[in-house]
N, C-alpha and C. Protein backbone atom coordinates (compact mmCIF):
# COMPACT_ATOMS: atom_id res chain seq x y z
N MET A 1 -38.38 -78.24 56.29
CA MET A 1 -37.04 -78.39 56.37
C MET A 1 -36.68 -78.15 57.89
N PRO A 2 -35.68 -78.93 58.67
CA PRO A 2 -36.10 -79.02 60.03
C PRO A 2 -34.77 -77.74 60.40
N GLY A 3 -35.25 -76.84 61.28
CA GLY A 3 -34.39 -75.35 61.49
C GLY A 3 -34.74 -74.07 60.80
N ALA A 4 -35.22 -74.35 59.82
CA ALA A 4 -35.89 -73.30 58.68
C ALA A 4 -36.99 -72.47 59.48
N ARG A 5 -36.41 -71.14 59.09
CA ARG A 5 -37.46 -70.17 59.70
C ARG A 5 -38.29 -69.43 58.89
N ASP A 6 -39.13 -68.66 59.36
CA ASP A 6 -40.15 -68.20 58.48
C ASP A 6 -39.41 -66.76 58.10
N GLU A 7 -39.96 -66.08 57.05
CA GLU A 7 -39.34 -64.38 56.81
C GLU A 7 -39.69 -63.49 58.00
N GLY A 8 -38.81 -62.80 58.28
CA GLY A 8 -38.82 -61.88 59.43
C GLY A 8 -38.28 -62.50 60.81
N ALA A 9 -37.61 -63.65 60.57
CA ALA A 9 -37.13 -64.42 61.89
C ALA A 9 -36.02 -62.92 62.46
N GLY A 10 -35.34 -63.36 63.68
CA GLY A 10 -34.95 -62.33 64.21
C GLY A 10 -33.16 -62.29 64.06
N CYS A 11 -32.53 -61.25 64.20
CA CYS A 11 -31.28 -61.28 63.79
C CYS A 11 -30.48 -62.23 64.78
N ASP A 12 -29.39 -63.15 64.34
CA ASP A 12 -29.05 -63.87 64.68
C ASP A 12 -27.45 -63.53 65.59
N THR A 13 -27.14 -62.18 65.29
CA THR A 13 -25.83 -61.49 65.61
C THR A 13 -25.89 -61.67 67.40
N GLY A 14 -24.70 -61.66 67.97
CA GLY A 14 -24.64 -61.22 69.31
C GLY A 14 -24.69 -62.33 70.34
N ARG A 15 -24.14 -62.06 71.57
CA ARG A 15 -24.69 -62.66 72.78
C ARG A 15 -24.52 -62.04 73.87
N PRO A 16 -26.27 -61.64 74.12
CA PRO A 16 -27.40 -62.48 73.93
C PRO A 16 -27.66 -61.87 72.42
N LEU A 17 -28.66 -62.94 71.49
CA LEU A 17 -28.75 -62.71 70.25
C LEU A 17 -29.40 -60.99 70.24
N CYS A 18 -29.24 -60.50 69.08
CA CYS A 18 -30.05 -58.97 68.63
C CYS A 18 -31.52 -59.28 68.81
N GLY A 19 -31.99 -60.34 68.06
CA GLY A 19 -33.25 -60.47 68.07
C GLY A 19 -34.13 -59.54 67.35
N ALA A 20 -33.69 -58.28 66.61
CA ALA A 20 -34.45 -57.67 65.72
C ALA A 20 -35.01 -58.11 64.70
N PRO A 21 -36.00 -57.58 64.17
CA PRO A 21 -36.54 -58.22 62.57
C PRO A 21 -35.21 -58.01 61.75
N ALA A 22 -35.32 -59.54 60.87
CA ALA A 22 -34.13 -59.21 60.33
C ALA A 22 -34.44 -59.90 58.69
N ARG A 23 -33.43 -59.98 58.05
CA ARG A 23 -33.84 -60.74 56.82
C ARG A 23 -32.61 -61.42 56.55
N PHE A 24 -32.61 -62.63 55.66
CA PHE A 24 -31.43 -63.74 55.40
C PHE A 24 -30.75 -63.28 54.37
N TYR A 25 -29.45 -63.22 54.97
CA TYR A 25 -28.16 -63.28 54.06
C TYR A 25 -27.46 -64.51 54.23
N PRO A 26 -26.31 -64.61 53.13
CA PRO A 26 -25.66 -65.81 53.18
C PRO A 26 -24.98 -66.30 54.58
N ALA A 27 -24.83 -65.07 55.07
CA ALA A 27 -24.04 -65.27 56.59
C ALA A 27 -25.27 -65.39 57.71
N GLY A 28 -26.21 -65.41 57.43
CA GLY A 28 -27.18 -65.70 58.41
C GLY A 28 -28.41 -64.66 58.49
N TRP A 29 -29.20 -64.78 59.39
CA TRP A 29 -30.41 -63.71 59.45
C TRP A 29 -29.65 -62.52 60.41
N ARG A 30 -29.78 -61.37 59.57
CA ARG A 30 -29.16 -60.09 60.12
C ARG A 30 -30.18 -58.75 60.05
N CYS A 31 -30.31 -58.07 60.84
CA CYS A 31 -30.87 -56.80 61.08
C CYS A 31 -30.17 -55.72 60.38
N ASP A 32 -30.68 -54.46 60.06
CA ASP A 32 -29.88 -53.49 59.28
C ASP A 32 -28.67 -52.93 60.11
N GLU A 33 -28.71 -52.94 61.25
CA GLU A 33 -27.64 -52.73 61.76
C GLU A 33 -26.37 -53.63 61.74
N HIS A 34 -26.58 -55.00 61.73
CA HIS A 34 -25.61 -56.14 61.85
C HIS A 34 -25.41 -56.72 60.27
N ARG A 35 -26.31 -55.91 59.29
CA ARG A 35 -26.38 -56.73 58.13
C ARG A 35 -24.56 -56.64 57.45
N PRO A 36 -24.22 -57.95 56.81
CA PRO A 36 -22.96 -57.90 56.21
C PRO A 36 -22.73 -56.65 55.29
N SER A 37 -21.55 -55.75 55.28
CA SER A 37 -21.09 -54.84 54.46
C SER A 37 -20.74 -55.29 53.19
N LYS A 38 -20.66 -54.54 52.13
CA LYS A 38 -20.60 -54.77 50.69
C LYS A 38 -18.68 -54.89 50.61
N SER A 39 -18.21 -54.07 51.59
CA SER A 39 -16.74 -54.60 51.42
C SER A 39 -15.87 -55.51 52.16
N ALA A 40 -17.05 -56.32 53.18
CA ALA A 40 -16.56 -57.62 53.68
C ALA A 40 -16.29 -58.51 52.48
N THR A 41 -16.99 -58.54 51.38
CA THR A 41 -16.80 -59.42 50.27
C THR A 41 -15.89 -59.20 49.16
N THR A 42 -15.30 -58.17 49.52
CA THR A 42 -14.33 -57.58 48.15
C THR A 42 -13.25 -57.26 48.48
N ALA A 43 -11.96 -57.70 47.98
CA ALA A 43 -10.82 -57.69 48.38
C ALA A 43 -10.50 -55.94 48.26
N PRO A 44 -9.38 -55.70 49.37
CA PRO A 44 -9.08 -54.27 48.69
C PRO A 44 -8.15 -54.00 47.49
N PRO A 45 -8.19 -52.86 47.07
CA PRO A 45 -7.35 -52.74 45.62
C PRO A 45 -6.12 -52.82 45.75
N ARG A 46 -5.54 -53.85 44.82
CA ARG A 46 -4.02 -54.17 44.70
C ARG A 46 -3.15 -52.54 44.63
N LYS A 47 -1.94 -52.31 45.04
CA LYS A 47 -1.36 -51.16 45.39
C LYS A 47 -0.29 -51.53 43.97
N THR A 48 -0.40 -50.33 43.26
CA THR A 48 0.72 -50.32 42.16
C THR A 48 2.22 -50.23 42.55
N PRO A 49 3.17 -50.86 41.50
CA PRO A 49 4.64 -51.01 41.98
C PRO A 49 5.16 -49.53 42.61
N GLU A 50 4.88 -48.54 42.32
CA GLU A 50 5.07 -47.35 42.24
C GLU A 50 4.90 -47.02 44.04
N GLU A 51 3.10 -47.24 44.25
CA GLU A 51 2.75 -47.36 45.48
C GLU A 51 3.29 -48.16 46.62
N ALA A 52 3.88 -49.46 46.15
CA ALA A 52 4.35 -50.39 47.14
C ALA A 52 5.65 -49.92 47.69
N THR A 53 6.60 -49.12 46.94
CA THR A 53 7.70 -49.11 47.35
C THR A 53 7.73 -47.88 47.91
N PRO A 54 8.76 -47.70 49.41
CA PRO A 54 8.44 -46.53 50.13
C PRO A 54 9.13 -45.48 49.95
């Protein structure tokens, strides 16, 4: 496949690119420092009506 990389490719984050050893996430190749956080894919908890009123 064109553009495919081997396992162990460098981190795609930053300008200039980080380049640290990385693994593939749905967001692309990321090192441990730049890996996507779990909270980035989950919505914050909704407030109850009691919490929402000032």
